[in-house]
Every structure is written in structure tokens, then in C-alpha cells.
Amino acid sequence: MKFGVVVFPGSNCDTDTAYALSLVRDAEVEMIWHADDTLRGVDCVILPGGFAYGDYLRAGAIARFSPVMAAVQRHAAAGGLVLGICNGFQVLVEAGLLPGALLRNDSLQFRCRWVTMRVERIDTAFTSSCAPGQIVRMPIAHGEGRYYADGDTLDRLEANGQVLFRYVPAAGADDANYNPNGSLRDIAGLINVRGNVAGLMPHPERCCDPLVGGDDGLSIFQSLVQAVTRV
């Protein structure tokens, strides 16, 4: 059972992600530098949050050309598990591993706050530890998190069950601002058709202990560890 966490210049959630994995199980974690051209035999690779290459041009636009991304694409093509968190989600979209685009927040402001999401599917390697329709609370920290795709693509995502997480109001709250960035159809996370590549904007690695405000993020890493163990 081996996990790889890619480190780009500007990544700032790489060690948090490795630590989150250690809370679930004593998994072997490799920190993989962006200039590496191999994933060293990992079972699952995670692209963490941060600001790869300073988010110049737009978030993820330069990182998708890193040598390591060719290895990530080969890994995904072979059926290997890939998870992108926040900036990692942006990189996956820029690399064409997930559809659509992540644009500037509709407020044109950086948003750093807690959000509430509904788990839309639990039959995936990323959500199998969740309950059907479970509501989870996780933090966000991004300026370009507004998910966008044309109408046909959005309809196809819905029909294929590719929406993995969706922003929703907190239980009992009448919150008109529950969607923090203007994402179309309240999309917070996606999965590919094959079911082995996923991305989400909220940060599960930042909410794995009640001491930091909640531990809902553990369910994502528990799901991944169980999926890798079964391989």
C-alpha cells in the first residue's frame, strides 16, 4: 500500500496530506517532486493544494506541463487512483483528466472559510466510507474555484453520476451564500467516467482532527486507504 504526494513549487498542503494518510493507517507515503518522471510504483497519487508555480497565468496552467504530470496521466490511463485537492483539482482539469474549467470566484475575491457539501455518490474509491447523502463540512481556500462547463457537459456529468460533491446549505440554515464561488450546479467535486480520477475544491486534509474544527475529511482518506488495500 503506497501513496504518492506530488510536490510542485508552491504546494503548501503536501505534508498535511501525508499526515492525514498517517492518521488512517500507517501507509507508505512518497513525496514526489514535480520534476520526477516516475511515480515510483505508487498505488494512488494525490495532487495537493497550494499555489503551483505561483498560479501564474491561471491556477494549474503551468503545473500541468511538469514532467511528473506525464507519469500521472500514464498512471490514470492504467486505472491507477488519482486525487486532486484544490490546486490539485485545478491541475487535473488543466491536464484534461477531468472535464470543465475552474474560473475566478464570482466574487472576484479569495475565499477562506468552511463550507458544507453533500456526498453525491458512495460507490467510489474516494467516498466508500461515507454514508448515502452524507453532509460533510470542510474548509476552502481558493481564488479560482468556480466550476464551469457548457450545458451539454454539465448534463452529461449529471447523467453519468460524475458529480461527487455538491455545495449545500448547512442543516437548518437559510444560507443564500452556501455556494462560496459560484460553481455551476453547486459542483464542489467531480469524478471521471472510469471512476479512478477525482478532484474537489475543499480541503479534506485540513479537517482530520476535531482540534482544528472537524474531522469530516478523514472519510476521504479512509476510503482511499480501503480502496488501495483491496487492490
Protein backbone atom coordinates (compact mmCIF):
# COMPACT_ATOMS: atom_id res chain seq x y z
CA MET A 1 0.00 0.00 0.00
CA LYS A 2 1.83 3.04 -1.27
CA PHE A 3 0.68 6.62 -1.75
CA GLY A 4 2.44 9.37 -3.66
CA VAL A 5 2.00 13.08 -2.90
CA VAL A 6 3.22 15.35 -5.69
CA VAL A 7 5.12 18.46 -4.62
CA PHE A 8 5.08 21.41 -7.01
CA PRO A 9 6.92 24.70 -6.36
CA GLY A 10 4.23 26.48 -4.35
CA SER A 11 2.47 23.42 -2.91
CA ASN A 12 1.58 24.06 0.72
CA CYS A 13 -0.65 21.13 1.69
CA ASP A 14 1.68 18.27 0.78
CA THR A 15 2.81 17.43 4.31
CA ASP A 16 -0.75 17.94 5.61
CA THR A 17 -1.93 15.33 3.10
CA ALA A 18 0.79 12.87 4.08
CA TYR A 19 -0.10 13.40 7.76
CA ALA A 20 -3.81 12.82 7.05
CA LEU A 21 -2.98 9.47 5.45
CA SER A 22 -0.94 8.51 8.51
CA LEU A 23 -3.95 9.14 10.75
CA VAL A 24 -5.94 6.50 8.91
CA ARG A 25 -3.30 3.84 8.62
CA ASP A 26 0.46 3.61 8.64
CA ALA A 27 0.63 3.80 4.86
CA GLU A 28 3.87 4.30 2.99
CA VAL A 29 3.92 7.81 1.53
CA GLU A 30 6.34 9.03 -1.14
CA MET A 31 6.81 12.76 -1.66
CA ILE A 32 7.23 13.10 -5.43
CA TRP A 33 8.97 16.19 -6.79
CA HIS A 34 7.37 17.88 -9.81
CA ALA A 35 10.47 17.27 -11.95
CA ASP A 36 10.37 13.49 -11.41
CA ASP A 37 9.25 11.47 -14.42
CA THR A 38 8.09 8.43 -12.46
CA LEU A 39 5.65 7.79 -9.62
CA ARG A 40 7.87 5.07 -8.09
CA GLY A 41 5.22 2.40 -8.16
CA VAL A 42 2.59 4.11 -6.01
CA ASP A 43 -0.95 2.75 -5.87
CA CYS A 44 -2.56 6.17 -5.51
CA VAL A 45 -1.21 9.62 -6.33
CA ILE A 46 -2.51 12.81 -4.73
CA LEU A 47 -2.04 16.31 -6.11
CA PRO A 48 -2.28 18.57 -3.04
CA GLY A 49 -3.45 22.10 -2.50
CA GLY A 50 -1.33 25.21 -2.76
CA PHE A 51 -0.28 27.59 -5.50
CA ALA A 52 1.73 25.56 -8.01
CA TYR A 53 4.17 27.85 -9.83
CA GLY A 54 2.52 30.78 -8.08
CA ASP A 55 -0.70 30.23 -10.06
CA TYR A 56 0.79 32.39 -12.80
CA LEU A 57 -1.34 32.62 -15.97
CA ARG A 58 -4.11 30.77 -14.11
CA ALA A 59 -4.24 28.11 -11.45
CA GLY A 60 -2.74 24.83 -12.66
CA ALA A 61 -1.88 26.12 -16.14
CA ILE A 62 1.89 25.74 -15.74
CA ALA A 63 1.87 22.75 -13.38
CA ARG A 64 0.12 20.60 -15.97
CA PHE A 65 3.34 20.73 -18.05
CA SER A 66 5.54 19.42 -15.23
CA PRO A 67 7.39 16.18 -16.07
CA VAL A 68 5.54 14.39 -13.28
CA MET A 69 2.20 15.02 -14.98
CA ALA A 70 3.08 12.68 -17.85
CA ALA A 71 3.57 9.98 -15.22
CA VAL A 72 0.27 10.92 -13.55
CA GLN A 73 -1.52 10.62 -16.90
CA ARG A 74 0.02 7.20 -17.54
CA HIS A 75 -0.99 6.10 -14.04
CA ALA A 76 -4.57 7.26 -14.62
CA ALA A 77 -4.73 5.62 -18.04
CA ALA A 78 -3.67 2.33 -16.45
CA GLY A 79 -6.53 2.59 -13.94
CA GLY A 80 -4.48 3.93 -11.03
CA LEU A 81 -6.16 6.16 -8.45
CA VAL A 82 -5.60 9.92 -8.68
CA LEU A 83 -6.99 12.58 -6.32
CA GLY A 84 -6.63 16.33 -6.78
CA ILE A 85 -7.36 18.64 -3.85
CA CYS A 86 -8.00 22.35 -4.53
CA ASN A 87 -4.95 23.35 -6.60
CA GLY A 88 -4.59 19.67 -7.46
CA PHE A 89 -8.14 19.67 -8.83
CA GLN A 90 -7.23 22.71 -10.93
CA VAL A 91 -4.17 20.89 -12.29
CA LEU A 92 -6.24 17.81 -13.18
CA VAL A 93 -8.73 19.95 -15.10
CA GLU A 94 -5.94 21.81 -16.93
CA ALA A 95 -4.38 18.45 -17.82
CA GLY A 96 -7.65 17.17 -19.25
CA LEU A 97 -8.01 14.38 -16.70
CA LEU A 98 -11.30 15.92 -15.55
CA PRO A 99 -13.70 17.97 -17.69
CA GLY A 100 -14.61 21.64 -17.50
CA ALA A 101 -12.73 24.60 -16.06
CA LEU A 102 -12.15 26.30 -12.71
CA LEU A 103 -12.57 30.06 -13.03
CA ARG A 104 -12.19 33.05 -10.75
CA ASN A 105 -14.68 33.08 -7.89
CA ASP A 106 -17.78 35.04 -8.83
CA SER A 107 -16.94 37.49 -6.03
CA LEU A 108 -13.50 38.06 -7.62
CA GLN A 109 -12.16 37.59 -4.10
CA PHE A 110 -10.14 34.87 -2.40
CA ARG A 111 -12.42 32.81 -0.18
CA CYS A 112 -11.15 31.15 3.01
CA ARG A 113 -13.99 29.66 5.06
CA TRP A 114 -15.81 26.47 5.97
CA VAL A 115 -18.39 25.07 3.56
CA THR A 116 -20.99 22.34 3.66
CA MET A 117 -21.22 19.67 0.96
CA ARG A 118 -23.38 16.67 0.21
CA VAL A 119 -21.74 13.41 -0.84
CA GLU A 120 -23.49 12.51 -4.08
CA ARG A 121 -22.01 9.01 -4.53
CA ILE A 122 -20.58 6.47 -2.11
CA ASP A 123 -19.76 3.73 -4.63
CA THR A 124 -16.33 5.16 -5.43
CA ALA A 125 -12.79 4.66 -4.15
CA PHE A 126 -12.92 8.21 -2.79
CA THR A 127 -16.22 8.09 -0.86
CA SER A 128 -16.90 4.47 0.12
CA SER A 129 -16.52 5.33 3.83
CA CYS A 130 -19.29 7.93 3.61
CA ALA A 131 -22.99 7.40 4.18
CA PRO A 132 -25.53 7.92 1.37
CA GLY A 133 -26.28 11.63 1.09
CA GLN A 134 -23.91 12.43 3.94
CA ILE A 135 -23.40 16.12 4.69
CA VAL A 136 -19.77 17.00 5.35
CA ARG A 137 -18.13 20.21 6.47
CA MET A 138 -14.70 21.18 5.13
CA PRO A 139 -12.64 24.35 4.71
CA ILE A 140 -11.86 26.06 1.41
CA ALA A 141 -9.07 28.48 0.48
CA HIS A 142 -9.07 29.50 -3.15
CA GLY A 143 -9.49 32.35 -5.60
CA GLU A 144 -10.28 30.22 -8.66
CA GLY A 145 -12.78 27.61 -7.60
CA ARG A 146 -15.84 28.39 -9.71
CA TYR A 147 -16.58 25.23 -11.65
CA TYR A 148 -17.70 25.91 -15.20
CA ALA A 149 -18.65 23.74 -18.18
CA ASP A 150 -21.03 24.17 -21.10
CA GLY A 151 -24.61 22.95 -20.73
CA ASP A 152 -24.09 19.70 -22.63
CA THR A 153 -21.09 18.80 -20.50
CA LEU A 154 -22.98 19.59 -17.30
CA ASP A 155 -25.91 17.43 -18.39
CA ARG A 156 -23.51 14.61 -19.25
CA LEU A 157 -21.82 14.88 -15.84
CA GLU A 158 -25.18 14.62 -14.13
CA ALA A 159 -26.34 11.71 -16.30
CA ASN A 160 -23.10 9.80 -15.72
CA GLY A 161 -23.12 10.40 -11.97
CA GLN A 162 -19.81 12.26 -12.14
CA VAL A 163 -20.72 14.92 -9.57
CA LEU A 164 -19.08 13.61 -6.43
CA PHE A 165 -19.66 16.52 -4.03
CA ARG A 166 -22.14 19.39 -4.17
CA TYR A 167 -22.30 22.57 -2.10
CA VAL A 168 -25.45 22.72 0.05
CA PRO A 169 -26.71 24.96 2.87
CA ALA A 170 -25.87 23.80 6.36
CA ALA A 171 -28.62 21.81 8.06
CA GLY A 172 -31.42 24.10 9.18
CA ALA A 173 -29.76 27.17 7.70
CA ASP A 174 -31.30 29.55 5.20
CA ASP A 175 -27.96 30.47 3.65
CA ALA A 176 -28.03 32.18 0.27
CA ASN A 177 -24.22 32.15 0.22
CA TYR A 178 -23.69 28.42 0.72
CA ASN A 179 -22.01 28.21 -2.70
CA PRO A 180 -18.73 30.03 -1.99
CA ASN A 181 -17.55 30.63 -5.55
CA GLY A 182 -20.48 30.47 -7.95
CA SER A 183 -19.78 26.95 -9.21
CA LEU A 184 -22.40 25.87 -11.73
CA ARG A 185 -24.91 23.41 -10.32
CA ASP A 186 -23.16 23.81 -6.95
CA ILE A 187 -20.43 21.39 -8.04
CA ALA A 188 -17.67 21.03 -5.45
CA GLY A 189 -16.02 17.83 -6.71
CA LEU A 190 -16.02 15.51 -9.70
CA ILE A 191 -15.00 12.01 -10.72
CA ASN A 192 -14.14 10.73 -14.19
CA VAL A 193 -16.31 8.20 -16.04
CA ARG A 194 -13.90 5.37 -15.25
CA GLY A 195 -14.07 6.17 -11.54
CA ASN A 196 -10.34 6.36 -10.79
CA VAL A 197 -9.67 10.14 -11.02
CA ALA A 198 -11.37 12.64 -8.74
CA GLY A 199 -10.96 16.24 -7.66
CA LEU A 200 -12.55 18.58 -5.16
CA MET A 201 -12.01 22.19 -4.13
CA PRO A 202 -12.47 21.86 -0.33
CA HIS A 203 -9.56 20.59 1.76
CA PRO A 204 -10.20 17.22 3.49
CA GLU A 205 -6.60 17.14 4.78
CA ARG A 206 -7.28 20.29 6.81
CA CYS A 207 -10.14 18.77 8.75
CA CYS A 208 -8.92 15.44 10.07
CA ASP A 209 -8.96 16.28 13.78
CA PRO A 210 -11.64 17.90 15.97
CA LEU A 211 -8.91 20.18 17.37
CA VAL A 212 -8.82 22.04 14.03
CA GLY A 213 -12.59 22.38 13.75
CA GLY A 214 -13.73 19.00 12.45
CA ASP A 215 -12.70 15.60 11.12
CA ASP A 216 -15.05 15.04 8.18
CA GLY A 217 -12.06 14.93 5.86
CA LEU A 218 -10.94 11.61 7.32
CA SER A 219 -13.67 9.80 5.40
CA ILE A 220 -11.96 10.64 2.09
CA PHE A 221 -8.62 9.21 3.20
CA GLN A 222 -10.27 6.21 4.86
CA SER A 223 -11.98 5.47 1.56
CA LEU A 224 -8.70 5.72 -0.37
CA VAL A 225 -6.81 3.50 2.04
CA GLN A 226 -9.55 0.86 1.87
CA ALA A 227 -9.54 1.03 -1.94
CA VAL A 228 -5.76 0.65 -2.14
CA THR A 229 -5.81 -2.19 0.38
CA ARG A 230 -8.26 -4.08 -1.81
CA VAL A 231 -6.06 -3.75 -4.91
